């Protein structure tokens, strides 16, 4: 019996992807567990394993095809001895029959949309209504793409995106005859990043706090640790970011009320302390996760971060290595940025932004002294975390950084 292979959903945010390349060709024998193709998701390149045996009768979607929708047919498997042409024809007609059946079933189970044809009511999802209200968008001016014209979240976000792009921009008058413009394609990762950040800023009520930390003892301790590794001919080296992540993990472990996410009609408290580390790639941003940070040593955290960053840059992260997380850490200190405030990575309820270390005069015991100072900020979802709680949390992080012996 022929089997239709469908484009898999390899992450919760994936709606389409790129079929990178086929590792099996038409006519090849396929066994369960064989890697038959490489799929580029919004975050990484992942292998597509066969779960059935058979002969790859027809490749419907060729290699390097961009924008392949999830659950669309990409290939057909046939049993040994079956007529290939007959399998292809019967399978394609069978898929069309399935689409008709699904459409009829959807029509019969959504009476409210049938009524819409006979009246002037506008049907929209609760989330779509909420986003539209926050952005002063009239639902009557939005074309719905959901079942029977229902307005869904993506329809509202598309209107917001169009409004932003259509805003007048003042540009200097220049001679363009000698200049050329270039249109750059948008990668799947960039599309998903843009969609999620737009959703974050339009649906999550952000608030922000910042503190400055005196890192004089922190820097000295890091020097001592790395000098000790060097003395034993070890290649290991602890970074500032390793120590910051350890401090955040310890603070989060002590304050479970911050280790929460918004669940729509409830607040969900997470049972583990998993920190997402923002890694900049050419095509966008990815956030590999260090699990159970509060229970790991500084050395173990450092090793894990280096391994995850390497895999992220090579596009080899597994889905479980970048999905989830309690809180995200974004560090732009290496780019000579003093301070900034980041956008929350949903469904998380907070994100920590880490600036660079610089020498500044500060008051210590009524005396002005020069110290190494670093600014850290926190962006919070006010539906989940209140100001006082966020202030306690960020000051706990500050205390760990200013008293760094507790980190080891």
Protein backbone atom coordinates (compact mmCIF):
# COMPACT_ATOMS: atom_id res chain seq x y z
CA UNK A 1 0.00 0.00 0.00
CA UNK A 2 1.50 3.41 -0.97
CA UNK A 3 2.50 5.84 1.78
CA UNK A 4 2.58 9.62 1.39
CA UNK A 5 5.49 11.31 3.19
CA UNK A 6 4.49 14.69 4.64
CA UNK A 7 6.58 17.74 5.50
CA UNK A 8 7.19 17.31 9.26
CA UNK A 9 6.70 19.97 11.93
CA UNK A 10 10.07 19.83 13.67
CA UNK A 11 9.43 22.66 16.14
CA UNK A 12 6.32 24.24 17.73
CA UNK A 13 6.80 27.47 15.76
CA UNK A 14 7.36 25.79 12.40
CA UNK A 15 4.66 26.36 9.77
CA UNK A 16 6.90 25.94 6.75
CA UNK A 17 10.50 25.03 6.06
CA UNK A 18 13.11 24.41 3.40
CA UNK A 19 13.64 20.94 2.01
CA UNK A 20 17.43 21.11 1.91
CA UNK A 21 18.39 17.95 0.08
CA UNK A 22 17.25 14.39 -0.51
CA UNK A 23 19.65 11.71 0.73
CA UNK A 24 17.63 9.01 -1.05
CA UNK A 25 16.73 9.07 -4.73
CA UNK A 26 13.71 7.80 -6.62
CA UNK A 27 13.88 4.02 -6.86
CA UNK A 28 16.00 3.62 -3.69
CA UNK A 29 14.99 1.14 -1.01
CA UNK A 30 14.06 2.81 2.30
CA UNK A 31 14.09 1.15 5.72
CA UNK A 32 12.75 2.45 9.07
CA UNK A 33 15.37 4.71 10.65
CA UNK A 34 17.01 5.64 7.35
CA UNK A 35 17.80 9.35 6.97
CA UNK A 36 16.07 10.24 3.73
CA UNK A 37 16.26 14.05 3.68
CA UNK A 38 17.51 17.17 5.45
CA UNK A 39 14.92 19.74 6.52
CA UNK A 40 15.85 23.33 7.35
CA UNK A 41 13.54 24.60 10.11
CA UNK A 42 13.28 28.08 11.55
CA UNK A 43 16.17 27.23 13.92
CA UNK A 44 18.40 24.51 12.48
CA UNK A 45 18.96 21.87 9.83
CA UNK A 46 17.49 18.57 10.98
CA UNK A 47 17.43 15.02 9.63
CA UNK A 48 14.17 13.45 8.45
CA UNK A 49 13.98 9.76 9.35
CA UNK A 50 11.81 7.19 7.60
CA UNK A 51 9.37 5.30 9.83
CA UNK A 52 8.18 2.85 7.15
CA UNK A 53 9.92 0.61 4.65
CA UNK A 54 9.41 0.72 0.91
CA UNK A 55 10.72 2.12 -2.33
CA UNK A 56 10.96 5.87 -2.84
CA UNK A 57 8.56 5.96 -5.79
CA UNK A 58 8.22 9.69 -6.32
CA UNK A 59 9.89 12.83 -4.98
CA UNK A 60 7.19 15.51 -5.14
CA UNK A 61 9.21 18.39 -3.66
CA UNK A 62 12.76 18.68 -5.05
CA UNK A 63 15.88 19.62 -3.09
CA UNK A 64 16.45 23.27 -2.07
CA UNK A 65 12.73 24.10 -2.15
CA UNK A 66 11.90 27.03 0.14
CA UNK A 67 8.55 27.60 1.88
CA UNK A 68 7.28 24.02 1.98
CA UNK A 69 4.15 23.99 4.17
CA UNK A 70 4.00 21.62 7.13
CA UNK A 71 1.94 18.47 6.40
CA UNK A 72 2.12 18.97 2.62
CA UNK A 73 3.10 15.90 0.55
CA UNK A 74 6.81 15.76 -0.28
CA UNK A 75 7.27 12.17 -1.51
CA UNK A 76 5.57 8.80 -2.03
CA UNK A 77 6.72 5.37 -0.80
CA UNK A 78 5.61 2.18 -2.57
CA UNK A 79 5.80 -1.44 -1.53
CA UNK A 80 8.16 -3.71 -3.40
CA UNK A 81 6.54 -5.13 -6.53
CA UNK A 82 3.92 -2.37 -6.88
CA UNK A 83 3.53 -0.56 -10.19
CA UNK A 84 5.23 2.78 -9.59
CA UNK A 85 3.15 4.81 -12.06
CA UNK A 86 -0.07 3.36 -10.71
CA UNK A 87 1.02 4.12 -7.14
CA UNK A 88 1.81 7.74 -8.00
CA UNK A 89 -1.51 8.32 -9.78
CA UNK A 90 -3.61 6.60 -7.14
CA UNK A 91 -1.83 8.33 -4.26
CA UNK A 92 -2.20 11.83 -5.67
CA UNK A 93 -5.89 11.33 -6.39
CA UNK A 94 -6.27 9.86 -2.89
CA UNK A 95 -4.72 13.00 -1.36
CA UNK A 96 -7.19 15.17 -3.25
CA UNK A 97 -10.03 13.05 -1.93
CA UNK A 98 -8.74 13.48 1.61
CA UNK A 99 -8.66 17.27 1.21
CA UNK A 100 -12.31 17.28 0.11
CA UNK A 101 -13.28 15.09 3.06
CA UNK A 102 -11.46 17.33 5.56
CA UNK A 103 -13.05 20.44 4.06
CA UNK A 104 -16.54 18.95 4.39
CA UNK A 105 -15.86 17.79 7.95
CA UNK A 106 -14.65 21.28 8.87
CA UNK A 107 -17.74 22.83 7.34
CA UNK A 108 -20.04 20.56 9.30
CA UNK A 109 -18.34 21.21 12.63
CA UNK A 110 -18.31 25.02 12.47
CA UNK A 111 -21.92 26.16 12.34
CA UNK A 112 -20.98 29.66 13.47
CA UNK A 113 -19.07 30.23 10.26
CA UNK A 114 -21.97 29.00 8.13
CA UNK A 115 -24.14 31.63 9.79
CA UNK A 116 -21.63 34.29 8.80
CA UNK A 117 -22.71 33.98 5.18
CA UNK A 118 -26.22 35.04 6.18
CA UNK A 119 -25.45 37.92 8.52
CA UNK A 120 -22.92 40.70 9.01
CA UNK A 121 -21.24 39.48 12.20
CA UNK A 122 -17.44 39.44 12.26
CA UNK A 123 -15.83 36.30 13.64
CA UNK A 124 -12.38 36.54 15.18
CA UNK A 125 -10.35 34.59 17.71
CA UNK A 126 -10.06 36.11 21.23
CA UNK A 127 -6.31 36.67 20.75
CA UNK A 128 -6.91 38.41 17.42
CA UNK A 129 -9.50 40.69 19.04
CA UNK A 130 -7.10 41.52 21.87
CA UNK A 131 -4.21 42.41 19.55
CA UNK A 132 -6.53 44.44 17.30
CA UNK A 133 -7.87 46.39 20.29
CA UNK A 134 -4.37 47.19 21.58
CA UNK A 135 -3.33 48.50 18.17
CA UNK A 136 -6.51 50.40 17.23
CA UNK A 137 -7.32 48.12 14.32
CA UNK A 138 -10.93 47.76 13.17
CA UNK A 139 -11.86 44.14 12.58
CA UNK A 140 -14.18 45.20 9.76
CA UNK A 141 -11.11 46.26 7.78
CA UNK A 142 -9.29 42.93 8.21
CA UNK A 143 -9.62 39.99 5.84
CA UNK A 144 -9.74 36.73 7.75
CA UNK A 145 -7.76 33.72 6.59
CA UNK A 146 -9.09 31.26 9.17
CA UNK A 147 -11.87 28.73 8.58
CA UNK A 148 -14.69 30.42 6.63
CA UNK A 149 -13.12 33.84 6.92
CA UNK A 150 -12.49 33.86 10.66
CA UNK A 151 -9.91 36.49 11.66
CA UNK A 152 -6.93 34.94 13.41
CA UNK A 153 -3.82 36.32 15.08
CA UNK A 154 -1.67 36.21 11.92
CA UNK A 155 -4.21 38.38 10.07
CA UNK A 156 -3.89 41.14 12.68
CA UNK A 157 -0.09 40.88 12.78
CA UNK A 158 -0.01 41.19 8.99
CA UNK A 159 -2.01 44.44 9.21
CA UNK A 160 0.33 45.79 11.90
CA UNK A 161 3.36 44.85 9.82
CA UNK A 162 1.86 46.59 6.78
CA UNK A 163 1.14 49.74 8.79
CA UNK A 164 4.74 49.83 10.03
CA UNK A 165 6.15 49.32 6.54
CA UNK A 166 3.89 52.01 5.06
CA UNK A 167 4.91 54.72 7.52
CA UNK A 168 6.56 57.70 5.89
CA UNK A 169 10.32 57.72 6.26
CA UNK A 170 12.34 60.91 5.75
CA UNK A 171 15.50 60.20 3.78
CA UNK A 172 18.18 62.57 2.55
CA UNK A 173 18.07 63.51 -1.12
CA UNK A 174 21.01 61.82 -2.79
CA UNK A 175 22.13 61.10 -6.29
CA UNK A 176 20.98 57.52 -6.90
CA UNK A 177 22.21 57.26 -10.47
CA UNK A 178 25.60 56.02 -9.37
CA UNK A 179 24.22 53.72 -6.66
CA UNK A 180 22.71 50.29 -6.78
CA UNK A 181 20.20 48.77 -4.38
CA UNK A 182 20.03 45.11 -3.47
CA UNK A 183 17.05 43.06 -2.34
CA UNK A 184 17.99 40.45 0.26
CA UNK A 185 15.93 37.27 0.67
CA UNK A 186 14.44 36.60 4.10
CA UNK A 187 15.44 33.27 5.63
CA UNK A 188 12.94 31.05 7.42
CA UNK A 189 14.72 31.80 10.71
CA UNK A 190 14.46 35.55 10.12
CA UNK A 191 10.74 35.27 9.27
CA UNK A 192 9.98 33.35 12.45
CA UNK A 193 12.13 35.68 14.56
CA UNK A 194 10.31 38.71 13.15
CA UNK A 195 6.90 37.15 13.75
CA UNK A 196 7.66 36.11 17.34
CA UNK A 197 9.20 39.47 18.29
CA UNK A 198 6.27 41.37 16.78
CA UNK A 199 3.90 39.13 18.69
CA UNK A 200 5.91 39.69 21.87
CA UNK A 201 5.87 43.50 21.66
CA UNK A 202 2.19 43.71 20.68
CA UNK A 203 0.73 41.16 23.12
CA UNK A 204 3.04 41.18 26.17
CA UNK A 205 2.97 44.20 28.54
CA UNK A 206 6.70 44.79 29.07
CA UNK A 207 8.29 46.70 31.92
CA UNK A 208 11.99 47.22 32.53
CA UNK A 209 14.46 47.52 35.44
CA UNK A 210 18.23 48.08 35.46
CA UNK A 211 21.00 47.95 38.07
CA UNK A 212 24.75 48.57 38.02
CA UNK A 213 27.09 46.00 39.52
CA UNK A 214 30.57 46.56 40.93
CA UNK A 215 32.54 43.71 39.37
CA UNK A 216 35.95 44.40 40.89
CA UNK A 217 35.99 41.17 42.94
CA UNK A 218 34.20 39.31 40.13
CA UNK A 219 36.96 40.15 37.63
CA UNK A 220 39.72 39.23 40.06
CA UNK A 221 38.10 35.86 40.82
CA UNK A 222 37.75 35.10 37.11
CA UNK A 223 41.45 35.92 36.59
CA UNK A 224 42.40 33.60 39.45
CA UNK A 225 40.26 30.73 38.10
CA UNK A 226 41.69 31.00 34.59
CA UNK A 227 45.24 31.37 35.91
CA UNK A 228 44.75 28.15 37.84
CA UNK A 229 43.60 26.37 34.66
CA UNK A 230 46.62 27.75 32.77
CA UNK A 231 49.00 26.56 35.51
CA UNK A 232 47.72 23.00 35.04
CA UNK A 233 48.02 23.23 31.24
CA UNK A 234 44.25 23.10 30.88
CA UNK A 235 42.63 24.64 27.80
CA UNK A 236 39.53 25.50 29.83
CA UNK A 237 38.64 29.16 30.24
CA UNK A 238 35.74 30.67 32.17
CA UNK A 239 34.04 33.63 30.48
CA UNK A 240 32.18 36.55 32.03
CA UNK A 241 28.99 35.18 30.46
CA UNK A 242 29.51 31.78 32.13
CA UNK A 243 29.63 33.42 35.55
CA UNK A 244 26.64 35.68 34.81
CA UNK A 245 24.53 32.69 33.74
CA UNK A 246 25.54 30.82 36.89
CA UNK A 247 24.47 33.83 39.00
CA UNK A 248 21.10 34.08 37.21
CA UNK A 249 20.52 30.35 37.62
CA UNK A 250 21.22 30.46 41.35
CA UNK A 251 18.94 33.49 41.81
CA UNK A 252 16.15 31.85 39.81
CA UNK A 253 16.47 28.65 41.81
CA UNK A 254 15.92 30.64 45.01
CA UNK A 255 12.93 32.56 43.60
CA UNK A 256 10.52 30.07 41.97
CA UNK A 257 7.87 32.80 41.72
CA UNK A 258 9.98 34.32 38.90
CA UNK A 259 10.42 30.95 37.19
CA UNK A 260 6.96 31.20 35.64
CA UNK A 261 5.22 31.70 32.29
CA UNK A 262 1.81 33.07 31.27
CA UNK A 263 -0.64 30.27 30.46
CA UNK A 264 -3.60 32.33 29.22
CA UNK A 265 -6.01 31.58 32.08
CA UNK A 266 -3.32 30.52 34.55
CA UNK A 267 0.29 31.10 35.58
CA UNK A 268 2.57 28.09 35.11
CA UNK A 269 5.45 27.64 37.55
CA UNK A 270 8.32 25.68 36.02
CA UNK A 271 10.01 22.88 37.93
CA UNK A 272 13.50 23.27 36.42
CA UNK A 273 15.89 26.20 35.95
CA UNK A 274 16.70 26.21 32.24
CA UNK A 275 18.44 29.27 30.80
CA UNK A 276 18.28 30.19 27.12
CA UNK A 277 21.45 31.83 25.83
CA UNK A 278 20.97 34.20 22.88
CA UNK A 279 23.37 33.39 20.03
CA UNK A 280 23.57 35.67 16.98
CA UNK A 281 23.73 33.90 13.63
CA UNK A 282 23.95 35.32 10.14
CA UNK A 283 20.29 34.49 9.45
CA UNK A 284 18.88 35.54 12.82
CA UNK A 285 18.89 34.66 16.50
CA UNK A 286 18.74 31.28 18.21
CA UNK A 287 18.59 30.50 21.93
CA UNK A 288 20.14 27.15 22.93
CA UNK A 289 19.26 26.10 26.47
CA UNK A 290 21.46 25.18 29.41
CA UNK A 291 19.36 22.84 31.56
CA UNK A 292 19.28 22.73 35.39
CA UNK A 293 21.73 25.61 35.72
CA UNK A 294 21.29 26.04 39.49
CA UNK A 295 22.49 22.47 40.13
CA UNK A 296 25.60 22.58 37.89
CA UNK A 297 29.10 23.78 38.62
CA UNK A 298 30.58 26.82 36.91
CA UNK A 299 32.93 24.54 34.97
CA UNK A 300 30.07 22.32 33.72
CA UNK A 301 28.03 25.35 32.67
CA UNK A 302 30.99 26.75 30.75
CA UNK A 303 31.58 23.47 28.88
CA UNK A 304 27.89 23.11 28.01
CA UNK A 305 27.55 26.66 26.71
CA UNK A 306 30.58 26.28 24.44
CA UNK A 307 29.24 23.01 23.03
CA UNK A 308 25.77 24.46 22.43
CA UNK A 309 27.08 27.63 20.76
CA UNK A 310 29.25 25.52 18.44
CA UNK A 311 26.27 23.35 17.47
CA UNK A 312 24.09 26.45 16.97
CA UNK A 313 26.57 28.03 14.57
CA UNK A 314 26.81 24.77 12.64
CA UNK A 315 23.01 24.42 12.49
CA UNK A 316 23.17 21.09 14.35
CA UNK A 317 21.00 21.78 17.41
CA UNK A 318 18.32 19.22 18.24
CA UNK A 319 14.82 20.58 18.82
CA UNK A 320 15.02 19.83 22.58
CA UNK A 321 18.18 21.95 22.78
CA UNK A 322 16.46 25.22 21.86
CA UNK A 323 12.79 24.73 22.78
CA UNK A 324 11.50 25.82 26.18
CA UNK A 325 13.62 27.57 28.79
CA UNK A 326 12.83 29.53 31.95
CA UNK A 327 14.52 32.82 31.05
CA UNK A 328 16.78 34.17 28.28
CA UNK A 329 20.15 35.91 28.69
CA UNK A 330 21.26 38.33 25.97
CA UNK A 331 24.81 39.68 26.31
CA UNK A 332 26.00 42.52 24.06
CA UNK A 333 28.90 43.52 26.27
CA UNK A 334 31.45 42.20 23.78
CA UNK A 335 30.11 44.74 21.24
CA UNK A 336 31.01 47.71 23.47
CA UNK A 337 27.36 48.28 24.51
CA UNK A 338 26.99 49.81 27.98
CA UNK A 339 23.33 48.91 28.51
CA UNK A 340 20.18 47.88 26.64
CA UNK A 341 16.77 46.32 27.28
CA UNK A 342 15.76 43.24 25.31
CA UNK A 343 12.41 41.94 24.04
CA UNK A 344 10.91 38.96 25.88
CA UNK A 345 11.21 35.60 24.14
CA UNK A 346 7.68 34.09 24.43
CA UNK A 347 6.38 32.06 26.15
CA UNK A 348 8.99 33.07 28.73
CA UNK A 349 8.06 35.94 31.06
CA UNK A 350 11.46 37.66 31.39
CA UNK A 351 14.80 38.25 29.71
CA UNK A 352 18.10 39.50 31.14
CA UNK A 353 20.22 41.97 29.14
CA UNK A 354 23.93 42.20 29.96
CA UNK A 355 26.08 45.19 29.01
CA UNK A 356 29.82 45.64 28.85
CA UNK A 357 32.26 46.18 31.72
CA UNK A 358 33.77 49.64 32.00
CA UNK A 359 35.77 51.67 34.51
CA UNK A 360 33.66 54.25 36.36
CA UNK A 361 33.92 56.37 39.51
CA UNK A 362 31.52 55.09 42.19
CA UNK A 363 30.95 55.89 45.87
CA UNK A 364 32.20 53.17 48.25
CA UNK A 365 31.86 53.89 51.98
CA UNK A 366 31.59 57.64 51.32
CA UNK A 367 34.70 57.62 49.12
CA UNK A 368 34.88 57.99 45.37
CA UNK A 369 36.78 55.11 43.82
CA UNK A 370 37.32 53.77 40.32
CA UNK A 371 35.64 50.40 39.83
CA UNK A 372 34.76 47.96 37.06
CA UNK A 373 31.03 48.39 36.54
CA UNK A 374 28.53 46.42 34.48
CA UNK A 375 24.87 47.22 33.82
CA UNK A 376 22.30 44.44 33.76
CA UNK A 377 18.64 44.89 32.88
CA UNK A 378 15.52 42.80 33.05
CA UNK A 379 12.43 42.97 30.83
CA UNK A 380 9.36 41.38 32.43
CA UNK A 381 5.85 40.33 31.46
CA UNK A 382 3.72 42.36 33.87
CA UNK A 383 0.93 39.78 33.70
CA UNK A 384 3.21 37.33 35.51
CA UNK A 385 5.88 39.32 37.37
CA UNK A 386 5.27 42.50 39.37
CA UNK A 387 7.77 45.30 39.81
CA UNK A 388 8.70 44.52 43.40
CA UNK A 389 9.32 40.85 42.61
CA UNK A 390 11.48 41.75 39.60
CA UNK A 391 13.44 44.24 41.74
CA UNK A 392 14.18 41.55 44.33
CA UNK A 393 15.26 39.13 41.61
CA UNK A 394 17.62 41.46 39.78
CA UNK A 395 19.17 42.60 43.07
CA UNK A 396 19.75 38.98 44.02
CA UNK A 397 21.65 38.55 40.75
CA UNK A 398 23.60 41.72 41.55
CA UNK A 399 24.50 40.34 44.98
CA UNK A 400 25.89 37.13 43.46
CA UNK A 401 27.96 39.09 40.93
CA UNK A 402 29.37 41.44 43.56
CA UNK A 403 30.12 38.53 45.93
CA UNK A 404 31.37 36.01 43.37
CA UNK A 405 32.84 33.39 45.72
CA UNK A 406 29.30 32.09 46.10
CA UNK A 407 29.33 31.15 42.40
CA UNK A 408 31.94 28.44 42.95
